[in-house]
Amino acid sequence: MSNTVRGISKKHTKAKRSVNRRSTSVVFTSDDENILVADKSGDVFKYSVTEPSSEGQLLMGHLSMLLDMKLTADDKYLVTCDRDEKIRVSHFPNAYNIYSYCLGHTDFVTHLAYIPGTEAIISASGDGTIRCWNLKGEALHCLSHGIQAKTEAEEPPLQQTKPSDCLAIIRCFAYNPHSGALAVTFDSSPVLQVYKVTNEEKTLCINLHDDHNLPCVPWDIQFGPDSSLWILLPLQEKPVALFTYLPEAGDADTFKIKELEVSSLSKEVLQIQKTLSEDWDFFKESLDVPCWTKALAKSRVDNTLDYLKRKEQQMKKKQQPKPSQSEGKLSEDSAKEPSAKVAKME
């Protein structure tokens, strides 16, 4: 497997590297001199962009699959999250030196976002919550998105062991540091939610500002340089949708999202849509691929009812009266009597 770094302006490959495991997250350092690659085995390697022939350097490792990572603005800390509900803050580049852990999620942590200027991070998890933390590992805010998971009709109902199992898993997660907007989509729902991250009384708060029903579950979302929200859809006739958010009348702190009409799209956006539609044979192979988040859920077996049933049967068995010694002797004599009669007849 190989990772390729491309120079967008020069249209040529700058470096090509082989990695041992499938990559799950990739970030550049602030000087663009190095690239960090996290893989499914839980390791993070550092590769030099300017020295393509140099070997990758192992920085750190988790005991489970790494799902996302972020570098702070000054490249002082490396924040990583994994399938085992943990968020780790490590010193960079000496990532073996752990600064703190952010503990509180009860399921795999899929996404991270760093909030510059506040030394805080936002995390999204399979437990249905979005949380804010400072780099010391202290929880600042927690909310549940409330979107219910939808199962396919042919799938058998799953045995639920906790309320969060009913909530949809966050599939896409994008944060805009300029406006404080946080966009979220889900793996089994076409709902797009937009939150506002604010700094109130020296702590961070996340509030839902607006939601929108998309035509289908999107593949990905990302904020553009002009703060518009780009959404990649699995639709050949409309592979890309652009949203903008405007303050509501009389309240600059509250905004609503609005999809841009085709007539208002730039020539560059229209060209992107045309290119994606013409190359749809390449993308349509991904239509039937199940969402990657479904493979992260660990199977949970609740055998409490079976245990209590077996326990009740054992108690009833113990409460049954045992036969006395006289009754036992009488039973033995009764068993021997037919044999004695047969011997006498012979």
Protein backbone atom coordinates (compact mmCIF):
# COMPACT_ATOMS: atom_id res chain seq x y z
CA MET A 1 0.00 0.00 0.00
CA SER A 2 1.34 3.45 -0.77
CA ASN A 3 0.54 7.04 0.12
CA THR A 4 1.14 9.74 -2.48
CA VAL A 5 1.61 13.43 -1.74
CA ARG A 6 0.69 15.59 -4.72
CA GLY A 7 1.59 19.19 -5.44
CA ILE A 8 -1.74 20.71 -6.43
CA SER A 9 -0.24 23.70 -8.24
CA LYS A 10 2.51 21.84 -10.10
CA LYS A 11 0.40 18.79 -10.93
CA HIS A 12 3.17 16.29 -10.22
CA THR A 13 3.94 13.70 -7.58
CA LYS A 14 6.34 14.96 -4.92
CA ALA A 15 6.80 11.77 -2.92
CA LYS A 16 5.57 8.21 -2.81
CA ARG A 17 5.94 5.94 0.22
CA SER A 18 4.92 2.44 1.15
CA VAL A 19 3.30 1.76 4.51
CA ASN A 20 2.82 -1.55 6.28
CA ARG A 21 -0.83 -1.11 7.23
CA ARG A 22 -3.84 0.71 5.84
CA SER A 23 -3.75 4.39 6.77
CA THR A 24 -6.58 5.80 8.87
CA SER A 25 -5.46 9.42 9.27
CA VAL A 26 -2.86 11.74 7.70
CA VAL A 27 -1.72 15.20 8.87
CA PHE A 28 1.06 17.61 7.92
CA THR A 29 3.25 19.47 10.34
CA SER A 30 2.83 23.26 10.33
CA ASP A 31 5.98 23.76 8.22
CA ASP A 32 4.87 21.13 5.66
CA GLU A 33 8.25 19.42 6.09
CA ASN A 34 6.85 16.20 7.53
CA ILE A 35 3.72 14.12 7.24
CA LEU A 36 2.28 11.93 10.00
CA VAL A 37 0.48 8.72 9.07
CA ALA A 38 -1.67 6.71 11.49
CA ASP A 39 -2.61 3.14 10.58
CA LYS A 40 -5.14 0.49 11.56
CA SER A 41 -2.64 -1.31 13.82
CA GLY A 42 -2.47 1.75 16.09
CA ASP A 43 0.95 3.13 15.08
CA VAL A 44 1.93 6.65 13.99
CA PHE A 45 4.87 7.14 11.61
CA LYS A 46 6.57 10.36 10.58
CA TYR A 47 7.79 10.74 6.98
CA SER A 48 9.89 13.53 5.56
CA VAL A 49 8.43 15.31 2.54
CA THR A 50 11.71 16.93 1.53
CA GLU A 51 13.74 13.70 1.82
CA PRO A 52 11.73 11.03 -0.03
CA SER A 53 14.43 8.37 0.36
CA SER A 54 14.47 8.54 4.18
CA GLU A 55 12.79 5.83 6.24
CA GLY A 56 9.66 6.47 8.24
CA GLN A 57 10.11 7.06 11.97
CA LEU A 58 7.81 5.31 14.44
CA LEU A 59 6.54 7.93 16.87
CA MET A 60 4.01 6.12 19.04
CA GLY A 61 1.48 3.33 19.18
CA HIS A 62 -1.95 2.53 20.59
CA LEU A 63 -3.16 -0.92 21.59
CA SER A 64 -6.09 -0.65 19.18
CA MET A 65 -6.93 0.88 15.81
CA LEU A 66 -6.24 4.60 15.49
CA LEU A 67 -9.18 6.46 13.97
CA ASP A 68 -8.09 10.11 13.87
CA MET A 69 -5.29 12.45 14.95
CA LYS A 70 -4.61 16.18 15.09
CA LEU A 71 -1.58 18.37 15.70
CA THR A 72 -1.93 21.54 17.74
CA ALA A 73 -1.18 24.79 15.92
CA ASP A 74 2.34 25.08 17.35
CA ASP A 75 3.12 21.37 16.74
CA LYS A 76 3.62 21.00 20.48
CA TYR A 77 1.09 18.20 21.04
CA LEU A 78 -0.20 15.28 19.01
CA VAL A 79 -3.77 14.23 19.82
CA THR A 80 -4.91 10.73 18.83
CA CYS A 81 -8.07 8.68 19.35
CA ASP A 82 -8.76 4.98 18.98
CA ARG A 83 -11.36 2.23 18.90
CA ASP A 84 -11.07 1.65 22.66
CA GLU A 85 -12.75 4.94 23.68
CA LYS A 86 -9.45 6.67 24.51
CA ILE A 87 -8.11 10.08 23.50
CA ARG A 88 -4.39 10.53 24.10
CA VAL A 89 -2.45 13.81 24.16
CA SER A 90 1.26 13.26 23.53
CA HIS A 91 4.23 15.59 23.31
CA PHE A 92 5.52 16.10 19.78
CA PRO A 93 7.86 14.97 18.33
CA ASN A 94 8.67 12.86 21.42
CA ALA A 95 5.26 11.20 21.30
CA TYR A 96 6.31 8.44 23.70
CA ASN A 97 5.98 11.12 26.40
CA ILE A 98 2.26 11.19 27.24
CA TYR A 99 0.88 14.52 28.42
CA SER A 100 -2.69 13.47 29.31
CA TYR A 101 -5.67 11.26 28.52
CA CYS A 102 -9.22 12.45 27.80
CA LEU A 103 -11.45 9.73 29.24
CA GLY A 104 -15.24 9.72 29.24
CA HIS A 105 -16.48 8.26 25.96
CA THR A 106 -18.07 4.82 26.25
CA ASP A 107 -17.52 3.75 22.63
CA PHE A 108 -15.00 4.21 19.83
CA VAL A 109 -13.89 7.79 19.12
CA THR A 110 -14.10 8.51 15.39
CA HIS A 111 -13.25 12.21 14.95
CA LEU A 112 -11.17 14.99 16.48
CA ALA A 113 -11.01 18.74 15.90
CA TYR A 114 -8.52 21.17 17.39
CA ILE A 115 -9.72 24.64 18.39
CA PRO A 116 -6.84 27.10 18.01
CA GLY A 117 -6.54 29.84 20.59
CA THR A 118 -8.33 27.88 23.30
CA GLU A 119 -6.01 24.87 23.63
CA ALA A 120 -9.05 22.62 23.43
CA ILE A 121 -10.27 19.73 21.29
CA ILE A 122 -13.66 18.40 20.20
CA SER A 123 -14.33 14.68 19.84
CA ALA A 124 -17.13 12.60 18.33
CA SER A 125 -17.84 9.04 19.37
CA GLY A 126 -19.96 6.01 18.58
CA ASP A 127 -21.69 6.54 21.93
CA GLY A 128 -23.71 9.37 20.33
CA THR A 129 -21.98 12.24 22.10
CA ILE A 130 -19.85 15.22 21.09
CA ARG A 131 -17.45 16.38 23.80
CA CYS A 132 -15.07 19.25 24.45
CA TRP A 133 -11.80 18.81 26.36
CA ASN A 134 -8.82 20.87 27.27
CA LEU A 135 -5.38 19.44 26.62
CA LYS A 136 -5.02 18.52 30.29
CA GLY A 137 -7.76 15.93 29.82
CA GLU A 138 -10.50 17.84 31.64
CA ALA A 139 -14.02 17.58 30.21
CA LEU A 140 -15.52 20.97 29.32
CA HIS A 141 -18.81 20.12 27.63
CA CYS A 142 -20.84 17.11 26.50
CA LEU A 143 -23.99 16.79 24.41
CA SER A 144 -25.92 14.06 22.63
CA HIS A 145 -26.83 14.70 18.99
CA GLY A 146 -30.14 12.83 19.38
CA ILE A 147 -30.32 11.40 15.85
CA GLN A 148 -31.78 7.91 15.96
CA ALA A 149 -30.10 5.10 14.05
CA LYS A 150 -32.05 3.54 11.19
CA THR A 151 -31.64 -0.16 10.43
CA GLU A 152 -32.37 -1.86 7.15
CA ALA A 153 -35.67 -3.73 6.88
CA GLU A 154 -33.96 -7.07 6.21
CA GLU A 155 -31.65 -6.76 9.19
CA PRO A 156 -32.77 -8.54 12.38
CA PRO A 157 -33.29 -6.26 15.35
CA LEU A 158 -30.23 -6.01 17.55
CA GLN A 159 -30.38 -6.58 21.27
CA GLN A 160 -29.77 -3.19 22.82
CA THR A 161 -27.71 -3.06 25.98
CA LYS A 162 -27.52 0.71 26.47
CA PRO A 163 -29.43 3.79 25.21
CA SER A 164 -26.55 5.01 23.00
CA ASP A 165 -26.91 1.89 20.82
CA CYS A 166 -30.06 3.52 19.39
CA LEU A 167 -28.18 6.65 18.27
CA ALA A 168 -26.71 7.06 14.80
CA ILE A 169 -22.93 7.00 14.47
CA ILE A 170 -21.29 10.24 13.34
CA ARG A 171 -19.83 9.59 9.89
CA CYS A 172 -18.50 13.03 8.82
CA PHE A 173 -17.21 15.78 11.05
CA ALA A 174 -15.88 19.21 10.00
CA TYR A 175 -14.93 22.25 12.06
CA ASN A 176 -14.43 25.81 10.79
CA PRO A 177 -12.07 27.71 13.13
CA HIS A 178 -12.95 31.07 11.54
CA SER A 179 -16.66 30.98 12.39
CA GLY A 180 -16.77 28.31 15.09
CA ALA A 181 -19.21 26.25 13.01
CA LEU A 182 -19.20 22.47 13.47
CA ALA A 183 -20.91 20.35 10.80
CA VAL A 184 -21.92 16.75 11.46
CA THR A 185 -23.50 13.98 9.36
CA PHE A 186 -24.40 10.40 10.24
CA ASP A 187 -23.97 6.90 8.82
CA SER A 188 -27.66 5.98 8.77
CA SER A 189 -29.44 9.31 8.46
CA PRO A 190 -29.44 12.05 5.77
CA VAL A 191 -29.61 14.79 8.42
CA LEU A 192 -26.95 17.50 8.41
CA GLN A 193 -26.47 19.26 11.74
CA VAL A 194 -24.56 22.52 12.22
CA TYR A 195 -23.41 23.52 15.70
CA LYS A 196 -21.74 26.67 17.01
CA VAL A 197 -18.74 26.32 19.31
CA THR A 198 -18.46 29.28 21.69
CA ASN A 199 -16.16 30.23 24.54
CA GLU A 200 -18.36 31.14 27.50
CA GLU A 201 -16.98 31.96 30.94
CA LYS A 202 -13.62 30.30 30.22
CA THR A 203 -15.23 27.09 29.04
CA LEU A 204 -16.39 25.80 25.66
CA CYS A 205 -20.04 25.18 24.80
CA ILE A 206 -21.57 23.51 21.75
CA ASN A 207 -25.07 24.51 20.69
CA LEU A 208 -27.16 23.24 17.79
CA HIS A 209 -28.02 26.11 15.44
CA ASP A 210 -29.63 24.42 12.45
CA ASP A 211 -30.21 21.12 10.68
CA HIS A 212 -31.03 20.17 7.11
CA ASN A 213 -32.31 17.03 5.39
CA LEU A 214 -29.99 16.04 2.56
CA PRO A 215 -31.21 13.92 -0.39
CA CYS A 216 -29.11 10.97 0.90
CA VAL A 217 -26.33 10.09 3.31
CA PRO A 218 -23.23 12.01 2.13
CA TRP A 219 -19.78 10.59 1.55
CA ASP A 220 -17.88 13.49 3.07
CA ILE A 221 -18.12 17.12 4.18
CA GLN A 222 -15.54 19.90 4.48
CA PHE A 223 -15.39 23.66 4.92
CA GLY A 224 -13.82 25.65 2.12
CA PRO A 225 -11.47 28.66 2.40
CA ASP A 226 -14.46 31.01 2.17
CA SER A 227 -16.21 29.12 5.03
CA SER A 228 -18.75 27.55 2.67
CA LEU A 229 -19.62 23.93 3.45
CA TRP A 230 -18.86 21.41 0.69
CA ILE A 231 -20.80 18.15 0.70
CA LEU A 232 -19.85 15.17 -1.46
CA LEU A 233 -22.96 13.14 -2.36
CA PRO A 234 -23.25 9.67 -3.95
CA LEU A 235 -25.39 11.12 -6.77
CA GLN A 236 -24.19 11.28 -10.36
CA GLU A 237 -26.56 14.11 -11.28
CA LYS A 238 -25.47 16.16 -8.25
CA PRO A 239 -22.20 14.94 -6.74
CA VAL A 240 -21.39 18.19 -4.93
CA ALA A 241 -23.61 20.54 -2.91
CA LEU A 242 -22.51 23.84 -1.37
CA PHE A 243 -24.04 25.39 1.73
CA THR A 244 -23.56 28.75 3.31
CA TYR A 245 -24.72 29.94 6.69
CA LEU A 246 -26.02 33.42 7.37
CA PRO A 247 -26.80 35.15 10.68
CA GLU A 248 -30.46 35.39 11.49
CA ALA A 249 -32.04 38.82 11.44
CA GLY A 250 -31.37 40.66 14.67
CA ASP A 251 -29.08 37.98 16.12
CA ALA A 252 -25.49 37.85 14.90
CA ASP A 253 -24.71 34.85 17.11
CA THR A 254 -27.35 32.62 15.49
CA PHE A 255 -27.14 31.42 11.91
CA LYS A 256 -29.06 29.24 9.46
CA ILE A 257 -27.61 27.10 6.70
CA LYS A 258 -28.78 27.52 3.13
CA GLU A 259 -27.91 25.56 0.01
CA LEU A 260 -26.53 27.62 -2.85
CA GLU A 261 -28.53 27.58 -6.08
CA VAL A 262 -26.88 26.34 -9.27
CA SER A 263 -27.09 29.83 -10.75
CA SER A 264 -24.95 31.20 -7.91
CA LEU A 265 -22.19 28.58 -8.16
CA SER A 266 -18.83 29.62 -9.56
CA LYS A 267 -17.37 28.23 -12.78
CA GLU A 268 -14.83 26.23 -10.77
CA VAL A 269 -17.56 24.49 -8.76
CA LEU A 270 -19.58 23.72 -11.88
CA GLN A 271 -16.47 22.26 -13.51
CA ILE A 272 -15.88 20.04 -10.49
CA GLN A 273 -19.46 18.77 -10.63
CA LYS A 274 -19.10 18.08 -14.36
CA THR A 275 -15.82 16.20 -13.91
CA LEU A 276 -17.21 14.02 -11.13
CA SER A 277 -20.33 13.20 -13.15
CA GLU A 278 -18.30 12.27 -16.23
CA ASP A 279 -16.01 10.01 -14.18
CA TRP A 280 -18.87 8.35 -12.32
CA ASP A 281 -17.79 4.87 -13.36
CA PHE A 282 -14.87 5.30 -10.98
CA PHE A 283 -17.05 6.43 -8.06
CA LYS A 284 -20.04 4.11 -8.47
CA GLU A 285 -18.00 1.15 -7.20
CA SER A 286 -18.21 2.76 -3.76
CA LEU A 287 -22.01 2.91 -3.73
CA ASP A 288 -22.45 -0.59 -2.33
CA VAL A 289 -19.53 -0.39 0.11
CA PRO A 290 -20.85 -0.39 3.70
CA CYS A 291 -19.95 2.55 5.91
CA TRP A 292 -16.61 2.07 7.63
CA THR A 293 -18.05 2.99 11.03
CA LYS A 294 -20.23 -0.14 11.14
CA ALA A 295 -17.14 -2.34 11.43
CA LEU A 296 -15.99 -0.47 14.53
CA ALA A 297 -18.87 -1.48 16.78
CA LYS A 298 -17.89 -4.25 19.16
CA SER A 299 -20.36 -7.09 19.64
CA ARG A 300 -22.06 -6.97 23.00
CA VAL A 301 -23.70 -10.05 24.46
CA ASP A 302 -26.08 -9.59 27.38
CA ASN A 303 -26.51 -13.04 28.94
CA THR A 304 -28.02 -11.79 32.19
CA LEU A 305 -31.44 -13.35 31.51
CA ASP A 306 -29.90 -16.74 30.67
CA TYR A 307 -27.80 -16.60 33.83
CA LEU A 308 -30.79 -15.77 36.05
CA LYS A 309 -32.81 -18.58 34.46
CA ARG A 310 -30.08 -21.15 35.12
CA LYS A 311 -29.69 -19.81 38.65
CA GLU A 312 -33.41 -20.24 39.32
CA GLN A 313 -33.32 -23.82 38.05
CA GLN A 314 -30.39 -24.63 40.34
CA MET A 315 -32.18 -23.12 43.34
CA LYS A 316 -35.32 -25.14 42.66
CA LYS A 317 -33.25 -28.28 42.36
CA LYS A 318 -31.58 -27.63 45.70
CA GLN A 319 -34.96 -26.99 47.37
CA GLN A 320 -36.35 -30.40 46.39
CA PRO A 321 -36.50 -32.77 49.47
CA LYS A 322 -33.92 -35.55 49.49
CA PRO A 323 -35.09 -39.14 50.18
CA SER A 324 -34.47 -40.36 53.78
CA GLN A 325 -32.24 -43.38 54.60
CA SER A 326 -35.24 -45.62 55.45
CA GLU A 327 -36.87 -44.77 52.13
CA GLY A 328 -33.61 -45.46 50.37
CA LYS A 329 -33.29 -48.89 52.10
CA LEU A 330 -36.89 -49.74 51.25
CA SER A 331 -36.23 -48.95 47.62
CA GLU A 332 -33.21 -51.28 47.65
CA ASP A 333 -35.26 -54.14 49.20
CA SER A 334 -37.99 -53.62 46.64
CA ALA A 335 -35.43 -53.86 43.88
CA LYS A 336 -34.00 -57.12 45.30
CA GLU A 337 -37.38 -58.81 45.94
CA PRO A 338 -38.18 -59.71 42.29
CA SER A 339 -34.76 -61.29 41.93
CA ALA A 340 -35.35 -63.43 45.05
CA LYS A 341 -38.70 -64.64 43.73
CA VAL A 342 -37.19 -65.63 40.42
CA ALA A 343 -34.45 -67.62 42.19
CA LYS A 344 -37.09 -69.45 44.34
CA MET A 345 -39.12 -70.43 41.30
CA GLU A 346 -36.04 -71.91 39.68
